[in-house]
Amino acid sequence: MHTRWDDIEILRAIDALQEQLGGGPVSASGREVMNGIAGTWVTDPALISGFAYELDLACAARLLTFEVADHAAAHRTQNTDFFLQNVRNLALTITGRDRARGRVVQVPLPD
């Protein structure tokens, strides 16, 4: 049973789902992805909020993209479960895919 979410675990799960789909975005909801990673129906509000927070962090770090239905975006903080049910088209960016697969890409530092 999960007590917290690991960002690498989430990225790897989304990467695996994308591989199954031939590389396209994952059309399953954020809620379905979360339950799939947990292996059970997640009911703990703290875990639900934590998963949404990890998605937000990954998006802010440009590791992940996703879409949220307009009617659900306003409920991000009031009803996180509803928000996750309306998250769709999760897709890793190139950087997110590299991180999920443990790749380290080194580029020269700017002058």
N, C-alpha and C. Protein backbone atom coordinates (compact mmCIF):
# COMPACT_ATOMS: atom_id res chain seq x y z
N MET A 1 0.84 -1.19 0.00
CA MET A 1 0.00 0.00 0.00
C MET A 1 0.88 1.24 0.00
N HIS A 2 0.52 2.18 -0.82
CA HIS A 2 1.28 3.42 -0.90
C HIS A 2 1.02 4.31 0.32
N THR A 3 2.08 4.93 0.79
CA THR A 3 1.93 5.95 1.82
C THR A 3 2.28 7.33 1.25
N ARG A 4 2.96 7.32 0.11
CA ARG A 4 3.28 8.55 -0.63
C ARG A 4 3.61 8.15 -2.06
N TRP A 5 3.65 9.12 -2.94
CA TRP A 5 3.93 8.86 -4.36
C TRP A 5 5.37 9.18 -4.69
N ASP A 6 5.96 8.39 -5.55
CA ASP A 6 7.31 8.61 -6.02
C ASP A 6 7.23 9.12 -7.46
N ASP A 7 7.86 10.25 -7.73
CA ASP A 7 7.76 10.85 -9.06
C ASP A 7 8.30 9.93 -10.16
N ILE A 8 9.38 9.23 -9.89
CA ILE A 8 9.95 8.33 -10.90
C ILE A 8 9.00 7.18 -11.19
N GLU A 9 8.35 6.65 -10.16
CA GLU A 9 7.38 5.58 -10.34
C GLU A 9 6.23 6.04 -11.25
N ILE A 10 5.76 7.26 -11.03
CA ILE A 10 4.68 7.80 -11.85
C ILE A 10 5.14 7.97 -13.29
N LEU A 11 6.32 8.54 -13.48
CA LEU A 11 6.84 8.73 -14.84
C LEU A 11 7.05 7.40 -15.54
N ARG A 12 7.56 6.42 -14.84
CA ARG A 12 7.77 5.09 -15.45
C ARG A 12 6.45 4.44 -15.84
N ALA A 13 5.44 4.60 -15.00
CA ALA A 13 4.13 4.01 -15.30
C ALA A 13 3.53 4.67 -16.54
N ILE A 14 3.63 5.98 -16.64
CA ILE A 14 3.10 6.67 -17.82
C ILE A 14 3.90 6.29 -19.05
N ASP A 15 5.22 6.16 -18.91
CA ASP A 15 6.06 5.72 -20.02
C ASP A 15 5.63 4.34 -20.51
N ALA A 16 5.39 3.42 -19.58
CA ALA A 16 4.96 2.07 -19.96
C ALA A 16 3.61 2.10 -20.67
N LEU A 17 2.68 2.92 -20.18
CA LEU A 17 1.38 3.03 -20.83
C LEU A 17 1.52 3.61 -22.24
N GLN A 18 2.38 4.60 -22.39
CA GLN A 18 2.60 5.18 -23.72
C GLN A 18 3.22 4.16 -24.67
N GLU A 19 4.13 3.35 -24.15
CA GLU A 19 4.75 2.30 -24.98
C GLU A 19 3.69 1.31 -25.46
N GLN A 20 2.75 0.96 -24.58
CA GLN A 20 1.67 0.03 -24.96
C GLN A 20 0.80 0.63 -26.05
N LEU A 21 0.68 1.95 -26.05
CA LEU A 21 -0.16 2.63 -27.04
C LEU A 21 0.61 3.04 -28.29
N GLY A 22 1.86 2.64 -28.38
CA GLY A 22 2.67 3.00 -29.54
C GLY A 22 3.24 4.40 -29.47
N GLY A 23 3.28 4.99 -28.30
CA GLY A 23 3.92 6.28 -28.11
C GLY A 23 2.98 7.46 -27.97
N GLY A 24 1.71 7.27 -28.16
CA GLY A 24 0.76 8.38 -28.05
C GLY A 24 0.41 8.72 -26.62
N PRO A 25 -0.34 9.81 -26.44
CA PRO A 25 -0.78 10.18 -25.10
C PRO A 25 -1.68 9.12 -24.49
N VAL A 26 -1.68 9.06 -23.18
CA VAL A 26 -2.50 8.10 -22.43
C VAL A 26 -3.89 8.72 -22.27
N SER A 27 -4.89 8.09 -22.85
CA SER A 27 -6.24 8.66 -22.79
C SER A 27 -6.96 8.32 -21.48
N ALA A 28 -6.42 7.40 -20.70
CA ALA A 28 -7.02 7.08 -19.40
C ALA A 28 -6.99 8.32 -18.52
N SER A 29 -7.92 8.40 -17.60
CA SER A 29 -7.95 9.55 -16.69
C SER A 29 -6.78 9.47 -15.70
N GLY A 30 -6.47 10.60 -15.10
CA GLY A 30 -5.46 10.62 -14.06
C GLY A 30 -5.82 9.70 -12.91
N ARG A 31 -7.12 9.60 -12.64
CA ARG A 31 -7.61 8.72 -11.57
C ARG A 31 -7.31 7.27 -11.90
N GLU A 32 -7.55 6.88 -13.16
CA GLU A 32 -7.29 5.50 -13.59
C GLU A 32 -5.80 5.19 -13.55
N VAL A 33 -4.98 6.14 -13.95
CA VAL A 33 -3.53 5.94 -13.90
C VAL A 33 -3.08 5.77 -12.44
N MET A 34 -3.59 6.62 -11.56
CA MET A 34 -3.24 6.53 -10.15
C MET A 34 -3.62 5.17 -9.57
N ASN A 35 -4.84 4.72 -9.85
CA ASN A 35 -5.28 3.42 -9.34
C ASN A 35 -4.45 2.28 -9.92
N GLY A 36 -4.07 2.41 -11.19
CA GLY A 36 -3.23 1.39 -11.82
C GLY A 36 -1.87 1.28 -11.16
N ILE A 37 -1.29 2.40 -10.83
CA ILE A 37 0.01 2.39 -10.15
C ILE A 37 -0.13 1.79 -8.76
N ALA A 38 -1.18 2.17 -8.06
CA ALA A 38 -1.39 1.67 -6.69
C ALA A 38 -1.81 0.20 -6.68
N GLY A 39 -2.40 -0.27 -7.78
CA GLY A 39 -2.87 -1.65 -7.82
C GLY A 39 -4.19 -1.85 -7.10
N THR A 40 -4.82 -0.76 -6.73
CA THR A 40 -6.10 -0.82 -6.02
C THR A 40 -6.80 0.52 -6.17
N TRP A 41 -8.05 0.59 -5.75
CA TRP A 41 -8.80 1.84 -5.77
C TRP A 41 -8.30 2.69 -4.60
N VAL A 42 -7.75 3.85 -4.91
CA VAL A 42 -7.21 4.74 -3.87
C VAL A 42 -8.35 5.54 -3.25
N THR A 43 -8.46 5.48 -1.93
CA THR A 43 -9.52 6.19 -1.22
C THR A 43 -9.00 7.26 -0.26
N ASP A 44 -7.73 7.20 0.08
CA ASP A 44 -7.15 8.14 1.03
C ASP A 44 -7.05 9.53 0.39
N PRO A 45 -7.75 10.53 0.92
CA PRO A 45 -7.71 11.87 0.34
C PRO A 45 -6.29 12.45 0.25
N ALA A 46 -5.45 12.12 1.21
CA ALA A 46 -4.06 12.63 1.18
C ALA A 46 -3.30 12.03 0.00
N LEU A 47 -3.52 10.76 -0.30
CA LEU A 47 -2.86 10.13 -1.45
C LEU A 47 -3.40 10.69 -2.76
N ILE A 48 -4.69 10.94 -2.83
CA ILE A 48 -5.29 11.51 -4.03
C ILE A 48 -4.72 12.90 -4.28
N SER A 49 -4.66 13.71 -3.25
CA SER A 49 -4.08 15.06 -3.37
C SER A 49 -2.60 14.99 -3.71
N GLY A 50 -1.91 14.04 -3.10
CA GLY A 50 -0.48 13.88 -3.37
C GLY A 50 -0.20 13.50 -4.81
N PHE A 51 -1.04 12.65 -5.38
CA PHE A 51 -0.86 12.26 -6.78
C PHE A 51 -1.06 13.47 -7.70
N ALA A 52 -2.11 14.24 -7.44
CA ALA A 52 -2.36 15.44 -8.25
C ALA A 52 -1.19 16.41 -8.11
N TYR A 53 -0.66 16.55 -6.91
CA TYR A 53 0.49 17.43 -6.68
C TYR A 53 1.71 16.96 -7.47
N GLU A 54 1.96 15.65 -7.49
CA GLU A 54 3.09 15.12 -8.26
C GLU A 54 2.91 15.38 -9.76
N LEU A 55 1.67 15.26 -10.25
CA LEU A 55 1.41 15.58 -11.66
C LEU A 55 1.70 17.06 -11.93
N ASP A 56 1.27 17.93 -11.01
CA ASP A 56 1.54 19.36 -11.16
C ASP A 56 3.03 19.65 -11.17
N LEU A 57 3.77 19.01 -10.27
CA LEU A 57 5.22 19.21 -10.21
C LEU A 57 5.90 18.75 -11.50
N ALA A 58 5.50 17.58 -11.99
CA ALA A 58 6.08 17.04 -13.22
C ALA A 58 5.77 17.96 -14.40
N CYS A 59 4.58 18.51 -14.42
CA CYS A 59 4.20 19.44 -15.49
C CYS A 59 5.03 20.73 -15.39
N ALA A 60 5.17 21.25 -14.18
CA ALA A 60 5.95 22.48 -13.98
C ALA A 60 7.42 22.27 -14.34
N ALA A 61 7.93 21.06 -14.13
CA ALA A 61 9.32 20.74 -14.46
C ALA A 61 9.47 20.36 -15.94
N ARG A 62 8.38 20.42 -16.67
CA ARG A 62 8.35 20.09 -18.11
C ARG A 62 8.74 18.64 -18.38
N LEU A 63 8.30 17.76 -17.48
CA LEU A 63 8.52 16.33 -17.66
C LEU A 63 7.28 15.65 -18.22
N LEU A 64 6.13 16.32 -18.08
CA LEU A 64 4.84 15.72 -18.38
C LEU A 64 3.88 16.79 -18.89
N THR A 65 3.01 16.38 -19.80
CA THR A 65 1.91 17.25 -20.21
C THR A 65 0.61 16.50 -19.99
N PHE A 66 -0.45 17.24 -19.77
CA PHE A 66 -1.78 16.64 -19.67
C PHE A 66 -2.81 17.72 -19.91
N GLU A 67 -4.03 17.29 -20.18
CA GLU A 67 -5.15 18.20 -20.39
C GLU A 67 -6.17 17.98 -19.27
N VAL A 68 -6.86 19.05 -18.92
CA VAL A 68 -7.91 18.98 -17.91
C VAL A 68 -9.16 19.61 -18.52
N ALA A 69 -10.27 18.92 -18.37
CA ALA A 69 -11.54 19.47 -18.85
C ALA A 69 -11.80 20.81 -18.16
N ASP A 70 -12.29 21.78 -18.94
CA ASP A 70 -12.51 23.13 -18.40
C ASP A 70 -13.36 23.14 -17.14
N HIS A 71 -14.41 22.33 -17.12
CA HIS A 71 -15.30 22.33 -15.96
C HIS A 71 -14.66 21.76 -14.70
N ALA A 72 -13.55 21.06 -14.85
CA ALA A 72 -12.88 20.44 -13.71
C ALA A 72 -11.68 21.23 -13.22
N ALA A 73 -11.12 22.08 -14.06
CA ALA A 73 -9.91 22.81 -13.68
C ALA A 73 -10.13 23.68 -12.45
N ALA A 74 -11.31 24.25 -12.32
CA ALA A 74 -11.60 25.11 -11.18
C ALA A 74 -11.71 24.33 -9.87
N HIS A 75 -11.86 23.02 -9.96
CA HIS A 75 -12.02 22.19 -8.76
C HIS A 75 -10.70 21.58 -8.28
N ARG A 76 -9.59 22.03 -8.81
CA ARG A 76 -8.28 21.46 -8.49
C ARG A 76 -8.05 21.35 -6.99
N THR A 77 -8.36 22.40 -6.25
CA THR A 77 -8.08 22.38 -4.82
C THR A 77 -9.29 21.94 -3.98
N GLN A 78 -10.51 22.18 -4.46
CA GLN A 78 -11.69 21.83 -3.68
C GLN A 78 -12.03 20.35 -3.77
N ASN A 79 -11.86 19.75 -4.95
CA ASN A 79 -12.24 18.35 -5.14
C ASN A 79 -11.19 17.68 -6.05
N THR A 80 -10.11 17.28 -5.45
CA THR A 80 -8.98 16.73 -6.20
C THR A 80 -9.36 15.45 -6.92
N ASP A 81 -10.22 14.64 -6.34
CA ASP A 81 -10.65 13.41 -6.98
C ASP A 81 -11.37 13.72 -8.30
N PHE A 82 -12.29 14.67 -8.26
CA PHE A 82 -13.01 15.09 -9.47
C PHE A 82 -12.03 15.62 -10.51
N PHE A 83 -11.07 16.41 -10.05
CA PHE A 83 -10.03 16.94 -10.93
C PHE A 83 -9.29 15.80 -11.65
N LEU A 84 -8.83 14.80 -10.88
CA LEU A 84 -8.09 13.69 -11.48
C LEU A 84 -8.94 12.87 -12.44
N GLN A 85 -10.23 12.76 -12.18
CA GLN A 85 -11.11 12.04 -13.08
C GLN A 85 -11.20 12.73 -14.44
N ASN A 86 -10.87 14.02 -14.47
CA ASN A 86 -10.97 14.80 -15.70
C ASN A 86 -9.63 15.16 -16.31
N VAL A 87 -8.55 14.59 -15.78
CA VAL A 87 -7.22 14.74 -16.38
C VAL A 87 -7.12 13.69 -17.49
N ARG A 88 -6.73 14.11 -18.67
CA ARG A 88 -6.62 13.20 -19.82
C ARG A 88 -5.36 13.51 -20.62
N ASN A 89 -5.07 12.63 -21.54
CA ASN A 89 -3.96 12.80 -22.49
C ASN A 89 -2.62 13.08 -21.80
N LEU A 90 -2.33 12.25 -20.81
CA LEU A 90 -1.03 12.36 -20.15
C LEU A 90 0.05 11.90 -21.13
N ALA A 91 1.11 12.69 -21.24
CA ALA A 91 2.21 12.33 -22.14
C ALA A 91 3.52 12.87 -21.58
N LEU A 92 4.53 12.04 -21.62
CA LEU A 92 5.85 12.48 -21.18
C LEU A 92 6.48 13.34 -22.26
N THR A 93 7.22 14.33 -21.83
CA THR A 93 8.04 15.10 -22.76
C THR A 93 9.32 14.28 -23.01
N ILE A 94 10.15 14.75 -23.90
CA ILE A 94 11.43 14.06 -24.14
C ILE A 94 12.22 13.96 -22.84
N THR A 95 12.28 15.05 -22.10
CA THR A 95 13.00 15.06 -20.83
C THR A 95 12.37 14.11 -19.82
N GLY A 96 11.05 14.08 -19.79
CA GLY A 96 10.34 13.17 -18.88
C GLY A 96 10.61 11.71 -19.23
N ARG A 97 10.65 11.42 -20.52
CA ARG A 97 10.94 10.05 -20.96
C ARG A 97 12.37 9.67 -20.56
N ASP A 98 13.31 10.60 -20.75
CA ASP A 98 14.69 10.32 -20.35
C ASP A 98 14.78 10.04 -18.85
N ARG A 99 14.08 10.84 -18.07
CA ARG A 99 14.12 10.66 -16.61
C ARG A 99 13.48 9.34 -16.21
N ALA A 100 12.36 9.00 -16.83
CA ALA A 100 11.68 7.74 -16.52
C ALA A 100 12.56 6.54 -16.84
N ARG A 101 13.36 6.66 -17.87
CA ARG A 101 14.21 5.55 -18.30
C ARG A 101 15.61 5.61 -17.69
N GLY A 102 15.86 6.59 -16.84
CA GLY A 102 17.14 6.69 -16.16
C GLY A 102 18.26 7.20 -17.04
N ARG A 103 17.92 7.88 -18.10
CA ARG A 103 18.94 8.43 -19.00
C ARG A 103 19.43 9.77 -18.46
N VAL A 104 20.71 10.00 -18.60
CA VAL A 104 21.30 11.28 -18.24
C VAL A 104 21.86 11.89 -19.51
N VAL A 105 21.35 13.05 -19.85
CA VAL A 105 21.81 13.75 -21.05
C VAL A 105 22.58 14.96 -20.58
N GLN A 106 23.84 15.02 -20.94
CA GLN A 106 24.68 16.12 -20.54
C GLN A 106 24.87 17.06 -21.71
N VAL A 107 24.68 18.32 -21.43
CA VAL A 107 24.90 19.35 -22.45
C VAL A 107 25.94 20.32 -21.92
N PRO A 108 26.66 20.98 -22.81
CA PRO A 108 27.65 21.94 -22.34
C PRO A 108 26.99 23.08 -21.56
N LEU A 109 27.67 23.57 -20.54
CA LEU A 109 27.16 24.69 -19.77
C LEU A 109 27.28 25.98 -20.59
N PRO A 110 26.35 26.89 -20.44
CA PRO A 110 26.46 28.16 -21.17
C PRO A 110 27.65 28.96 -20.64
N ASP A 111 28.18 29.80 -21.48
CA ASP A 111 29.31 30.65 -21.07
C ASP A 111 28.91 31.66 -20.05
